Amino acid sequence: MGMRNRIARLFTIKTPVEAYLVTYAIAVGAIERGLTYMHNYPGNSGVILAIACLGVPFIAGAKLVDSVKVPAISPVRAMPARATMPVPRSGGRISRSRPTPFRRGRGSALRSSRRTD
């Protein structure tokens, strides 16, 4: 592994704690910028810019927290993931949710019914 990769790994967010710390830093910067806007632009325009600045940590924090995988509780107890679940085969049962490949000549069990399954 090259030196460039080692340095790049230092700036990779790997755990939820790191994501929360980065979100906190973004929030502190957003509040500071919002106060600066309120000072430089008095009135409604400064308040609108400050509110816009405070919305950034919510969006960025949600993206950061969602992008980090939560570590497993215990690697020994972790179950291997299956690629697909086995699909049970039904023998000769007729399902109303899908058509049958051929028509059966039985019809309904009751004589009074006019169904022809």
PDB file of N, CA and C in Angstrom:
ATOM      1  N   MET A   1       0.849  -1.173   0.000  1.00  0.00           N
ATOM      2  CA  MET A   1       0.000   0.000   0.000  1.00  0.00           C
ATOM      3  C   MET A   1       0.894   1.235   0.000  1.00  0.00           C
ATOM      4  N   GLY A   2       0.595   2.139  -0.915  1.00  0.00           N
ATOM      5  CA  GLY A   2       1.431   3.316  -1.058  1.00  0.00           C
ATOM      6  C   GLY A   2       1.161   4.345   0.020  1.00  0.00           C
ATOM      7  N   MET A   3       2.029   5.312   0.078  1.00  0.00           N
ATOM      8  CA  MET A   3       1.901   6.375   1.074  1.00  0.00           C
ATOM      9  C   MET A   3       0.643   7.204   0.815  1.00  0.00           C
ATOM     10  N   ARG A   4       0.292   7.368  -0.450  1.00  0.00           N
ATOM     11  CA  ARG A   4      -0.907   8.138  -0.778  1.00  0.00           C
ATOM     12  C   ARG A   4      -2.168   7.461  -0.223  1.00  0.00           C
ATOM     13  N   ASN A   5      -2.246   6.152  -0.331  1.00  0.00           N
ATOM     14  CA  ASN A   5      -3.400   5.417   0.200  1.00  0.00           C
ATOM     15  C   ASN A   5      -3.458   5.491   1.717  1.00  0.00           C
ATOM     16  N   ARG A   6      -2.310   5.458   2.355  1.00  0.00           N
ATOM     17  CA  ARG A   6      -2.286   5.550   3.823  1.00  0.00           C
ATOM     18  C   ARG A   6      -2.789   6.906   4.300  1.00  0.00           C
ATOM     19  N   ILE A   7      -2.398   7.956   3.607  1.00  0.00           N
ATOM     20  CA  ILE A   7      -2.862   9.285   3.988  1.00  0.00           C
ATOM     21  C   ILE A   7      -4.348   9.431   3.686  1.00  0.00           C
ATOM     22  N   ALA A   8      -4.808   8.836   2.575  1.00  0.00           N
ATOM     23  CA  ALA A   8      -6.232   8.923   2.222  1.00  0.00           C
ATOM     24  C   ALA A   8      -7.098   8.203   3.243  1.00  0.00           C
ATOM     25  N   ARG A   9      -6.593   7.123   3.835  1.00  0.00           N
ATOM     26  CA  ARG A   9      -7.359   6.389   4.850  1.00  0.00           C
ATOM     27  C   ARG A   9      -7.580   7.207   6.112  1.00  0.00           C
ATOM     28  N   LEU A  10      -6.715   8.188   6.381  1.00  0.00           N
ATOM     29  CA  LEU A  10      -6.890   9.041   7.562  1.00  0.00           C
ATOM     30  C   LEU A  10      -8.123   9.919   7.429  1.00  0.00           C
ATOM     31  N   PHE A  11      -8.503  10.268   6.194  1.00  0.00           N
ATOM     32  CA  PHE A  11      -9.620  11.161   5.963  1.00  0.00           C
ATOM     33  C   PHE A  11     -10.897  10.432   5.586  1.00  0.00           C
ATOM     34  N   THR A  12     -10.937   9.134   5.800  1.00  0.00           N
ATOM     35  CA  THR A  12     -12.124   8.339   5.514  1.00  0.00           C
ATOM     36  C   THR A  12     -12.929   8.179   6.796  1.00  0.00           C
ATOM     37  N   ILE A  13     -14.232   8.442   6.707  1.00  0.00           N
ATOM     38  CA  ILE A  13     -15.120   8.290   7.872  1.00  0.00           C
ATOM     39  C   ILE A  13     -15.564   6.833   7.919  1.00  0.00           C
ATOM     40  N   LYS A  14     -15.197   6.141   9.005  1.00  0.00           N
ATOM     41  CA  LYS A  14     -15.450   4.706   9.091  1.00  0.00           C
ATOM     42  C   LYS A  14     -16.504   4.320  10.123  1.00  0.00           C
ATOM     43  N   THR A  15     -16.666   5.104  11.171  1.00  0.00           N
ATOM     44  CA  THR A  15     -17.584   4.730  12.246  1.00  0.00           C
ATOM     45  C   THR A  15     -18.647   5.810  12.429  1.00  0.00           C
ATOM     46  N   PRO A  16     -19.774   5.449  13.062  1.00  0.00           N
ATOM     47  CA  PRO A  16     -20.806   6.472  13.324  1.00  0.00           C
ATOM     48  C   PRO A  16     -20.322   7.596  14.236  1.00  0.00           C
ATOM     49  N   VAL A  17     -19.398   7.310  15.144  1.00  0.00           N
ATOM     50  CA  VAL A  17     -18.887   8.353  16.040  1.00  0.00           C
ATOM     51  C   VAL A  17     -18.158   9.425  15.226  1.00  0.00           C
ATOM     52  N   GLU A  18     -17.356   8.991  14.254  1.00  0.00           N
ATOM     53  CA  GLU A  18     -16.661   9.944  13.401  1.00  0.00           C
ATOM     54  C   GLU A  18     -17.657  10.765  12.584  1.00  0.00           C
ATOM     55  N   ALA A  19     -18.734  10.119  12.130  1.00  0.00           N
ATOM     56  CA  ALA A  19     -19.765  10.839  11.364  1.00  0.00           C
ATOM     57  C   ALA A  19     -20.433  11.897  12.231  1.00  0.00           C
ATOM     58  N   TYR A  20     -20.716  11.566  13.500  1.00  0.00           N
ATOM     59  CA  TYR A  20     -21.328  12.546  14.401  1.00  0.00           C
ATOM     60  C   TYR A  20     -20.370  13.703  14.700  1.00  0.00           C
ATOM     61  N   LEU A  21     -19.082  13.417  14.846  1.00  0.00           N
ATOM     62  CA  LEU A  21     -18.113  14.483  15.108  1.00  0.00           C
ATOM     63  C   LEU A  21     -17.981  15.420  13.909  1.00  0.00           C
ATOM     64  N   VAL A  22     -17.985  14.864  12.701  1.00  0.00           N
ATOM     65  CA  VAL A  22     -17.910  15.701  11.503  1.00  0.00           C
ATOM     66  C   VAL A  22     -19.182  16.539  11.375  1.00  0.00           C
ATOM     67  N   THR A  23     -20.329  15.946  11.690  1.00  0.00           N
ATOM     68  CA  THR A  23     -21.593  16.690  11.649  1.00  0.00           C
ATOM     69  C   THR A  23     -21.582  17.827  12.660  1.00  0.00           C
ATOM     70  N   TYR A  24     -21.028  17.578  13.827  1.00  0.00           N
ATOM     71  CA  TYR A  24     -20.922  18.632  14.847  1.00  0.00           C
ATOM     72  C   TYR A  24     -20.039  19.774  14.349  1.00  0.00           C
ATOM     73  N   ALA A  25     -18.923  19.442  13.710  1.00  0.00           N
ATOM     74  CA  ALA A  25     -18.038  20.476  13.186  1.00  0.00           C
ATOM     75  C   ALA A  25     -18.734  21.289  12.093  1.00  0.00           C
ATOM     76  N   ILE A  26     -19.505  20.616  11.248  1.00  0.00           N
ATOM     77  CA  ILE A  26     -20.257  21.330  10.212  1.00  0.00           C
ATOM     78  C   ILE A  26     -21.285  22.258  10.853  1.00  0.00           C
ATOM     79  N   ALA A  27     -21.945  21.787  11.913  1.00  0.00           N
ATOM     80  CA  ALA A  27     -22.961  22.602  12.582  1.00  0.00           C
ATOM     81  C   ALA A  27     -22.351  23.831  13.237  1.00  0.00           C
ATOM     82  N   VAL A  28     -21.186  23.681  13.867  1.00  0.00           N
ATOM     83  CA  VAL A  28     -20.531  24.837  14.503  1.00  0.00           C
ATOM     84  C   VAL A  28     -20.152  25.870  13.451  1.00  0.00           C
ATOM     85  N   GLY A  29     -19.628  25.406  12.314  1.00  0.00           N
ATOM     86  CA  GLY A  29     -19.280  26.332  11.231  1.00  0.00           C
ATOM     87  C   GLY A  29     -20.503  27.014  10.644  1.00  0.00           C
ATOM     88  N   ALA A  30     -21.612  26.280  10.548  1.00  0.00           N
ATOM     89  CA  ALA A  30     -22.837  26.863   9.999  1.00  0.00           C
ATOM     90  C   ALA A  30     -23.410  27.931  10.922  1.00  0.00           C
ATOM     91  N   ILE A  31     -23.330  27.703  12.217  1.00  0.00           N
ATOM     92  CA  ILE A  31     -23.822  28.708  13.170  1.00  0.00           C
ATOM     93  C   ILE A  31     -22.957  29.967  13.106  1.00  0.00           C
ATOM     94  N   GLU A  32     -21.659  29.777  13.013  1.00  0.00           N
ATOM     95  CA  GLU A  32     -20.758  30.933  12.918  1.00  0.00           C
ATOM     96  C   GLU A  32     -21.029  31.740  11.648  1.00  0.00           C
ATOM     97  N   ARG A  33     -21.212  31.038  10.532  1.00  0.00           N
ATOM     98  CA  ARG A  33     -21.500  31.729   9.283  1.00  0.00           C
ATOM     99  C   ARG A  33     -22.859  32.425   9.349  1.00  0.00           C
ATOM    100  N   GLY A  34     -23.851  31.774   9.981  1.00  0.00           N
ATOM    101  CA  GLY A  34     -25.168  32.389  10.129  1.00  0.00           C
ATOM    102  C   GLY A  34     -25.119  33.659  10.951  1.00  0.00           C
ATOM    103  N   LEU A  35     -24.330  33.653  12.029  1.00  0.00           N
ATOM    104  CA  LEU A  35     -24.175  34.875  12.838  1.00  0.00           C
ATOM    105  C   LEU A  35     -23.483  35.981  12.052  1.00  0.00           C
ATOM    106  N   THR A  36     -22.528  35.598  11.223  1.00  0.00           N
ATOM    107  CA  THR A  36     -21.853  36.588  10.377  1.00  0.00           C
ATOM    108  C   THR A  36     -22.826  37.200   9.382  1.00  0.00           C
ATOM    109  N   TYR A  37     -23.669  36.362   8.775  1.00  0.00           N
ATOM    110  CA  TYR A  37     -24.674  36.883   7.845  1.00  0.00           C
ATOM    111  C   TYR A  37     -25.644  37.825   8.551  1.00  0.00           C
ATOM    112  N   MET A  38     -26.063  37.473   9.768  1.00  0.00           N
ATOM    113  CA  MET A  38     -27.003  38.334  10.485  1.00  0.00           C
ATOM    114  C   MET A  38     -26.358  39.674  10.857  1.00  0.00           C
ATOM    115  N   HIS A  39     -25.034  39.636  11.097  1.00  0.00           N
ATOM    116  CA  HIS A  39     -24.333  40.878  11.435  1.00  0.00           C
ATOM    117  C   HIS A  39     -24.125  41.746  10.185  1.00  0.00           C
ATOM    118  N   ASN A  40     -23.735  41.119   9.062  1.00  0.00           N
ATOM    119  CA  ASN A  40     -23.441  41.882   7.847  1.00  0.00           C
ATOM    120  C   ASN A  40     -24.694  42.326   7.102  1.00  0.00           C
ATOM    121  N   TYR A  41     -25.748  41.535   7.157  1.00  0.00           N
ATOM    122  CA  TYR A  41     -27.002  41.864   6.461  1.00  0.00           C
ATOM    123  C   TYR A  41     -28.121  42.007   7.489  1.00  0.00           C
ATOM    124  N   PRO A  42     -28.300  43.179   8.046  1.00  0.00           N
ATOM    125  CA  PRO A  42     -29.357  43.336   9.057  1.00  0.00           C
ATOM    126  C   PRO A  42     -30.745  43.251   8.414  1.00  0.00           C
ATOM    127  N   GLY A  43     -31.676  42.752   9.211  1.00  0.00           N
ATOM    128  CA  GLY A  43     -33.044  42.639   8.723  1.00  0.00           C
ATOM    129  C   GLY A  43     -33.379  41.216   8.301  1.00  0.00           C
ATOM    130  N   ASN A  44     -34.390  41.106   7.448  1.00  0.00           N
ATOM    131  CA  ASN A  44     -34.889  39.790   7.043  1.00  0.00           C
ATOM    132  C   ASN A  44     -33.901  39.021   6.165  1.00  0.00           C
ATOM    133  N   SER A  45     -33.120  39.717   5.360  1.00  0.00           N
ATOM    134  CA  SER A  45     -32.196  39.016   4.472  1.00  0.00           C
ATOM    135  C   SER A  45     -31.126  38.256   5.262  1.00  0.00           C
ATOM    136  N   GLY A  46     -30.625  38.837   6.339  1.00  0.00           N
ATOM    137  CA  GLY A  46     -29.647  38.137   7.174  1.00  0.00           C
ATOM    138  C   GLY A  46     -30.240  36.930   7.873  1.00  0.00           C
ATOM    139  N   VAL A  47     -31.504  37.051   8.325  1.00  0.00           N
ATOM    140  CA  VAL A  47     -32.169  35.926   8.987  1.00  0.00           C
ATOM    141  C   VAL A  47     -32.410  34.791   8.005  1.00  0.00           C
ATOM    142  N   ILE A  48     -32.805  35.123   6.777  1.00  0.00           N
ATOM    143  CA  ILE A  48     -33.046  34.083   5.766  1.00  0.00           C
ATOM    144  C   ILE A  48     -31.744  33.358   5.425  1.00  0.00           C
ATOM    145  N   LEU A  49     -30.662  34.092   5.273  1.00  0.00           N
ATOM    146  CA  LEU A  49     -29.367  33.454   4.994  1.00  0.00           C
ATOM    147  C   LEU A  49     -28.901  32.603   6.176  1.00  0.00           C
ATOM    148  N   ALA A  50     -29.148  33.043   7.406  1.00  0.00           N
ATOM    149  CA  ALA A  50     -28.764  32.271   8.587  1.00  0.00           C
ATOM    150  C   ALA A  50     -29.557  30.969   8.658  1.00  0.00           C
ATOM    151  N   ILE A  51     -30.856  31.027   8.335  1.00  0.00           N
ATOM    152  CA  ILE A  51     -31.677  29.800   8.346  1.00  0.00           C
ATOM    153  C   ILE A  51     -31.210  28.836   7.262  1.00  0.00           C
ATOM    154  N   ALA A  52     -30.829  29.386   6.112  1.00  0.00           N
ATOM    155  CA  ALA A  52     -30.310  28.525   5.047  1.00  0.00           C
ATOM    156  C   ALA A  52     -29.013  27.837   5.483  1.00  0.00           C
ATOM    157  N   CYS A  53     -28.176  28.564   6.212  1.00  0.00           N
ATOM    158  CA  CYS A  53     -26.932  27.962   6.710  1.00  0.00           C
ATOM    159  C   CYS A  53     -27.209  26.864   7.729  1.00  0.00           C
ATOM    160  N   LEU A  54     -28.246  27.020   8.529  1.00  0.00           N
ATOM    161  CA  LEU A  54     -28.538  26.023   9.558  1.00  0.00           C
ATOM    162  C   LEU A  54     -29.176  24.757   8.978  1.00  0.00           C
ATOM    163  N   GLY A  55     -29.655  24.826   7.755  1.00  0.00           N
ATOM    164  CA  GLY A  55     -30.216  23.623   7.136  1.00  0.00           C
ATOM    165  C   GLY A  55     -29.159  22.673   6.622  1.00  0.00           C
ATOM    166  N   VAL A  56     -27.970  23.169   6.371  1.00  0.00           N
ATOM    167  CA  VAL A  56     -26.893  22.342   5.815  1.00  0.00           C
ATOM    168  C   VAL A  56     -26.481  21.198   6.743  1.00  0.00           C
ATOM    169  N   PRO A  57     -26.293  21.417   8.051  1.00  0.00           N
ATOM    170  CA  PRO A  57     -25.884  20.286   8.895  1.00  0.00           C
ATOM    171  C   PRO A  57     -26.902  19.156   8.940  1.00  0.00           C
ATOM    172  N   PHE A  58     -28.182  19.470   8.799  1.00  0.00           N
ATOM    173  CA  PHE A  58     -29.188  18.412   8.799  1.00  0.00           C
ATOM    174  C   PHE A  58     -29.030  17.513   7.574  1.00  0.00           C
ATOM    175  N   ILE A  59     -28.845  18.122   6.429  1.00  0.00           N
ATOM    176  CA  ILE A  59     -28.711  17.347   5.195  1.00  0.00           C
ATOM    177  C   ILE A  59     -27.393  16.579   5.181  1.00  0.00           C
ATOM    178  N   ALA A  60     -26.296  17.262   5.492  1.00  0.00           N
ATOM    179  CA  ALA A  60     -24.988  16.614   5.462  1.00  0.00           C
ATOM    180  C   ALA A  60     -24.872  15.544   6.541  1.00  0.00           C
ATOM    181  N   GLY A  61     -25.416  15.824   7.724  1.00  0.00           N
ATOM    182  CA  GLY A  61     -25.354  14.841   8.808  1.00  0.00           C
ATOM    183  C   GLY A  61     -26.133  13.584   8.477  1.00  0.00           C
ATOM    184  N   ALA A  62     -27.298  13.742   7.857  1.00  0.00           N
ATOM    185  CA  ALA A  62     -28.079  12.564   7.479  1.00  0.00           C
ATOM    186  C   ALA A  62     -27.332  11.726   6.456  1.00  0.00           C
ATOM    187  N   LYS A  63     -26.709  12.362   5.482  1.00  0.00           N
ATOM    188  CA  LYS A  63     -25.941  11.629   4.471  1.00  0.00           C
ATOM    189  C   LYS A  63     -24.741  10.922   5.092  1.00  0.00           C
ATOM    190  N   LEU A  64     -24.064  11.593   6.007  1.00  0.00           N
ATOM    191  CA  LEU A  64     -22.883  10.987   6.633  1.00  0.00           C
ATOM    192  C   LEU A  64     -23.253   9.787   7.500  1.00  0.00           C
ATOM    193  N   VAL A  65     -24.290   9.925   8.296  1.00  0.00           N
ATOM    194  CA  VAL A  65     -24.679   8.834   9.190  1.00  0.00           C
ATOM    195  C   VAL A  65     -25.199   7.644   8.390  1.00  0.00           C
ATOM    196  N   ASP A  66     -25.931   7.903   7.303  1.00  0.00           N
ATOM    197  CA  ASP A  66     -26.435   6.808   6.479  1.00  0.00           C
ATOM    198  C   ASP A  66     -25.327   6.099   5.722  1.00  0.00           C
ATOM    199  N   SER A  67     -24.242   6.794   5.423  1.00  0.00           N
ATOM    200  CA  SER A  67     -23.179   6.182   4.624  1.00  0.00           C
ATOM    201  C   SER A  67     -22.247   5.297   5.442  1.00  0.00           C
ATOM    202  N   VAL A  68     -22.309   5.382   6.761  1.00  0.00           N
ATOM    203  CA  VAL A  68     -21.407   4.608   7.616  1.00  0.00           C
ATOM    204  C   VAL A  68     -22.107   3.319   8.044  1.00  0.00           C
ATOM    205  N   LYS A  69     -21.421   2.214   7.884  1.00  0.00           N
ATOM    206  CA  LYS A  69     -21.977   0.933   8.310  1.00  0.00           C
ATOM    207  C   LYS A  69     -21.749   0.741   9.807  1.00  0.00           C
ATOM    208  N   VAL A  70     -22.767   0.223  10.478  1.00  0.00           N
ATOM    209  CA  VAL A  70     -22.661  -0.034  11.909  1.00  0.00           C
ATOM    210  C   VAL A  70     -21.909  -1.353  12.091  1.00  0.00           C
ATOM    211  N   PRO A  71     -20.882  -1.393  12.940  1.00  0.00           N
ATOM    212  CA  PRO A  71     -20.145  -2.638  13.118  1.00  0.00           C
ATOM    213  C   PRO A  71     -21.006  -3.712  13.782  1.00  0.00           C
ATOM    214  N   ALA A  72     -20.714  -4.970  13.456  1.00  0.00           N
ATOM    215  CA  ALA A  72     -21.453  -6.086  14.034  1.00  0.00           C
ATOM    216  C   ALA A  72     -21.136  -6.200  15.519  1.00  0.00           C
ATOM    217  N   ILE A  73     -22.056  -6.790  16.283  1.00  0.00           N
ATOM    218  CA  ILE A  73     -21.876  -6.933  17.726  1.00  0.00           C
ATOM    219  C   ILE A  73     -20.718  -7.879  18.007  1.00  0.00           C
ATOM    220  N   SER A  74     -20.750  -9.012  17.382  1.00  0.00           N
ATOM    221  CA  SER A  74     -19.697  -9.988  17.586  1.00  0.00           C
ATOM    222  C   SER A  74     -19.427 -10.690  16.258  1.00  0.00           C
ATOM    223  N   PRO A  75     -18.187 -10.701  15.795  1.00  0.00           N
ATOM    224  CA  PRO A  75     -17.930 -11.356  14.517  1.00  0.00           C
ATOM    225  C   PRO A  75     -18.116 -12.878  14.581  1.00  0.00           C
ATOM    226  N   VAL A  76     -18.028 -13.468  15.782  1.00  0.00           N
ATOM    227  CA  VAL A  76     -18.190 -14.912  15.920  1.00  0.00           C
ATOM    228  C   VAL A  76     -19.652 -15.291  15.738  1.00  0.00           C
ATOM    229  N   ARG A  77     -20.568 -14.448  16.230  1.00  0.00           N
ATOM    230  CA  ARG A  77     -21.985 -14.766  16.189  1.00  0.00           C
ATOM    231  C   ARG A  77     -22.646 -14.335  14.871  1.00  0.00           C
ATOM    232  N   ALA A  78     -21.887 -13.680  13.997  1.00  0.00           N
ATOM    233  CA  ALA A  78     -22.476 -13.193  12.749  1.00  0.00           C
ATOM    234  C   ALA A  78     -22.831 -14.379  11.854  1.00  0.00           C
ATOM    235  N   MET A  79     -24.027 -14.329  11.290  1.00  0.00           N
ATOM    236  CA  MET A  79     -24.499 -15.380  10.394  1.00  0.00           C
ATOM    237  C   MET A  79     -24.091 -15.029   8.967  1.00  0.00           C
ATOM    238  N   PRO A  80     -23.677 -16.015   8.193  1.00  0.00           N
ATOM    239  CA  PRO A  80     -23.362 -15.713   6.793  1.00  0.00           C
ATOM    240  C   PRO A  80     -24.639 -15.381   6.026  1.00  0.00           C
ATOM    241  N   ALA A  81     -24.557 -14.391   5.183  1.00  0.00           N
ATOM    242  CA  ALA A  81     -25.734 -13.964   4.429  1.00  0.00           C
ATOM    243  C   ALA A  81     -25.959 -14.901   3.252  1.00  0.00           C
ATOM    244  N   ARG A  82     -27.216 -15.283   3.044  1.00  0.00           N
ATOM    245  CA  ARG A  82     -27.560 -16.111   1.904  1.00  0.00           C
ATOM    246  C   ARG A  82     -27.807 -15.219   0.710  1.00  0.00           C
ATOM    247  N   ALA A  83     -27.455 -15.722  -0.449  1.00  0.00           N
ATOM    248  CA  ALA A  83     -27.687 -14.945  -1.660  1.00  0.00           C
ATOM    249  C   ALA A  83     -29.176 -14.859  -1.950  1.00  0.00           C
ATOM    250  N   THR A  84     -29.868 -16.005  -1.911  1.00  0.00           N
ATOM    251  CA  THR A  84     -31.309 -16.023  -2.136  1.00  0.00           C
ATOM    252  C   THR A  84     -31.933 -17.049  -1.220  1.00  0.00           C
ATOM    253  N   MET A  85     -33.179 -16.834  -0.914  1.00  0.00           N
ATOM    254  CA  MET A  85     -33.928 -17.798  -0.120  1.00  0.00           C
ATOM    255  C   MET A  85     -34.442 -18.885  -1.054  1.00  0.00           C
ATOM    256  N   PRO A  86     -34.454 -20.148  -0.605  1.00  0.00           N
ATOM    257  CA  PRO A  86     -34.994 -21.190  -1.469  1.00  0.00           C
ATOM    258  C   PRO A  86     -36.503 -21.021  -1.636  1.00  0.00           C
ATOM    259  N   VAL A  87     -36.956 -21.175  -2.855  1.00  0.00           N
ATOM    260  CA  VAL A  87     -38.370 -21.021  -3.159  1.00  0.00           C
ATOM    261  C   VAL A  87     -39.039 -22.379  -3.049  1.00  0.00           C
ATOM    262  N   PRO A  88     -40.054 -22.506  -2.165  1.00  0.00           N
ATOM    263  CA  PRO A  88     -40.723 -23.804  -2.058  1.00  0.00           C
ATOM    264  C   PRO A  88     -41.555 -24.064  -3.311  1.00  0.00           C
ATOM    265  N   ARG A  89     -41.493 -25.286  -3.779  1.00  0.00           N
ATOM    266  CA  ARG A  89     -42.261 -25.685  -4.957  1.00  0.00           C
ATOM    267  C   ARG A  89     -43.604 -26.241  -4.505  1.00  0.00           C
ATOM    268  N   SER A  90     -44.659 -25.765  -5.113  1.00  0.00           N
ATOM    269  CA  SER A  90     -45.969 -26.311  -4.792  1.00  0.00           C
ATOM    270  C   SER A  90     -46.219 -27.475  -5.742  1.00  0.00           C
ATOM    271  N   GLY A  91     -46.773 -28.533  -5.203  1.00  0.00           N
ATOM    272  CA  GLY A  91     -46.999 -29.733  -5.989  1.00  0.00           C
ATOM    273  C   GLY A  91     -48.006 -29.521  -7.090  1.00  0.00           C
ATOM    274  N   GLY A  92     -49.249 -29.836  -6.875  1.00  0.00           N
ATOM    275  CA  GLY A  92     -50.257 -29.682  -7.890  1.00  0.00           C
ATOM    276  C   GLY A  92     -51.334 -28.715  -7.476  1.00  0.00           C
ATOM    277  N   ARG A  93     -51.039 -27.851  -6.508  1.00  0.00           N
ATOM    278  CA  ARG A  93     -52.056 -26.929  -6.027  1.00  0.00           C
ATOM    279  C   ARG A  93     -52.320 -25.856  -7.058  1.00  0.00           C
ATOM    280  N   ILE A  94     -53.565 -25.429  -7.122  1.00  0.00           N
ATOM    281  CA  ILE A  94     -53.952 -24.372  -8.044  1.00  0.00           C
ATOM    282  C   ILE A  94     -53.996 -23.075  -7.257  1.00  0.00           C
ATOM    283  N   SER A  95     -53.377 -22.053  -7.791  1.00  0.00           N
ATOM    284  CA  SER A  95     -53.380 -20.753  -7.154  1.00  0.00           C
ATOM    285  C   SER A  95     -54.190 -19.793  -8.003  1.00  0.00           C
ATOM    286  N   ARG A  96     -54.965 -18.950  -7.367  1.00  0.00           N
ATOM    287  CA  ARG A  96     -55.764 -17.985  -8.114  1.00  0.00           C
ATOM    288  C   ARG A  96     -54.925 -16.804  -8.580  1.00  0.00           C
ATOM    289  N   SER A  97     -53.730 -16.634  -8.027  1.00  0.00           N
ATOM    290  CA  SER A  97     -52.920 -15.482  -8.385  1.00  0.00           C
ATOM    291  C   SER A  97     -52.127 -15.703  -9.669  1.00  0.00           C
ATOM    292  N   ARG A  98     -52.059 -16.913 -10.190  1.00  0.00           N
ATOM    293  CA  ARG A  98     -51.330 -17.138 -11.430  1.00  0.00           C
ATOM    294  C   ARG A  98     -52.058 -18.190 -12.257  1.00  0.00           C
ATOM    295  N   PRO A  99     -51.967 -18.119 -13.544  1.00  0.00           N
ATOM    296  CA  PRO A  99     -52.680 -19.088 -14.377  1.00  0.00           C
ATOM    297  C   PRO A  99     -52.003 -20.453 -14.344  1.00  0.00           C
ATOM    298  N   THR A 100     -52.803 -21.476 -14.559  1.00  0.00           N
ATOM    299  CA  THR A 100     -52.263 -22.835 -14.609  1.00  0.00           C
ATOM    300  C   THR A 100     -51.825 -23.136 -16.027  1.00  0.00           C
ATOM    301  N   PRO A 101     -50.835 -23.985 -16.198  1.00  0.00           N
ATOM    302  CA  PRO A 101     -50.365 -24.264 -17.556  1.00  0.00           C
ATOM    303  C   PRO A 101     -51.381 -25.037 -18.397  1.00  0.00           C
ATOM    304  N   PHE A 102     -52.261 -25.764 -17.783  1.00  0.00           N
ATOM    305  CA  PHE A 102     -53.293 -26.491 -18.522  1.00  0.00           C
ATOM    306  C   PHE A 102     -54.563 -26.498 -17.699  1.00  0.00           C
ATOM    307  N   ARG A 103     -55.695 -26.651 -18.345  1.00  0.00           N
ATOM    308  CA  ARG A 103     -56.978 -26.633 -17.645  1.00  0.00           C
ATOM    309  C   ARG A 103     -57.275 -28.019 -17.120  1.00  0.00           C
ATOM    310  N   ARG A 104     -57.808 -28.049 -15.931  1.00  0.00           N
ATOM    311  CA  ARG A 104     -58.195 -29.321 -15.333  1.00  0.00           C
ATOM    312  C   ARG A 104     -59.675 -29.535 -15.608  1.00  0.00           C
ATOM    313  N   GLY A 105     -60.062 -30.731 -15.808  1.00  0.00           N
ATOM    314  CA  GLY A 105     -61.432 -31.026 -16.167  1.00  0.00           C
ATOM    315  C   GLY A 105     -62.356 -31.205 -14.991  1.00  0.00           C
ATOM    316  N   ARG A 106     -61.855 -30.995 -13.775  1.00  0.00           N
ATOM    317  CA  ARG A 106     -62.670 -31.268 -12.592  1.00  0.00           C
ATOM    318  C   ARG A 106     -63.751 -30.234 -12.358  1.00  0.00           C
ATOM    319  N   GLY A 107     -63.438 -28.949 -12.520  1.00  0.00           N
ATOM    320  CA  GLY A 107     -64.378 -27.908 -12.154  1.00  0.00           C
ATOM    321  C   GLY A 107     -64.417 -27.743 -10.647  1.00  0.00           C
ATOM    322  N   SER A 108     -65.518 -27.266 -10.141  1.00  0.00           N
ATOM    323  CA  SER A 108     -65.655 -27.052  -8.714  1.00  0.00           C
ATOM    324  C   SER A 108     -66.128 -28.340  -8.042  1.00  0.00           C
ATOM    325  N   ALA A 109     -65.913 -28.392  -6.739  1.00  0.00           N
ATOM    326  CA  ALA A 109     -66.329 -29.581  -5.990  1.00  0.00           C
ATOM    327  C   ALA A 109     -67.841 -29.600  -5.795  1.00  0.00           C
ATOM    328  N   LEU A 110     -68.474 -28.459  -5.725  1.00  0.00           N
ATOM    329  CA  LEU A 110     -69.923 -28.406  -5.558  1.00  0.00           C
ATOM    330  C   LEU A 110     -70.618 -28.510  -6.922  1.00  0.00           C
ATOM    331  N   ARG A 111     -71.687 -29.236  -6.975  1.00  0.00           N
ATOM    332  CA  ARG A 111     -72.425 -29.396  -8.227  1.00  0.00           C
ATOM    333  C   ARG A 111     -73.175 -28.115  -8.597  1.00  0.00           C
ATOM    334  N   SER A 112     -73.569 -27.311  -7.572  1.00  0.00           N
ATOM    335  CA  SER A 112     -74.349 -26.120  -7.847  1.00  0.00           C
ATOM    336  C   SER A 112     -73.481 -24.974  -8.420  1.00  0.00           C
ATOM    337  N   SER A 113     -72.172 -25.071  -8.273  1.00  0.00           N
ATOM    338  CA  SER A 113     -71.302 -24.034  -8.777  1.00  0.00           C
ATOM    339  C   SER A 113     -71.072 -24.190 -10.269  1.00  0.00           C
ATOM    340  N   ARG A 114     -70.967 -23.080 -10.979  1.00  0.00           N
ATOM    341  CA  ARG A 114     -70.763 -23.116 -12.428  1.00  0.00           C
ATOM    342  C   ARG A 114     -69.319 -22.809 -12.804  1.00  0.00           C
ATOM    343  N   ARG A 115     -68.439 -22.830 -11.827  1.00  0.00           N
ATOM    344  CA  ARG A 115     -67.025 -22.559 -12.106  1.00  0.00           C
ATOM    345  C   ARG A 115     -66.411 -23.700 -12.860  1.00  0.00           C
ATOM    346  N   THR A 116     -65.532 -23.377 -13.754  1.00  0.00           N
ATOM    347  CA  THR A 116     -64.764 -24.417 -14.473  1.00  0.00           C
ATOM    348  C   THR A 116     -63.309 -24.052 -14.369  1.00  0.00           C
ATOM    349  N   ASP A 117     -62.694 -24.484 -13.318  1.00  0.00           N
ATOM    350  CA  ASP A 117     -61.271 -24.168 -13.104  1.00  0.00           C
ATOM    351  C   ASP A 117     -60.447 -24.907 -14.104  1.00  0.00           C
TER     352      ASP A 117
END
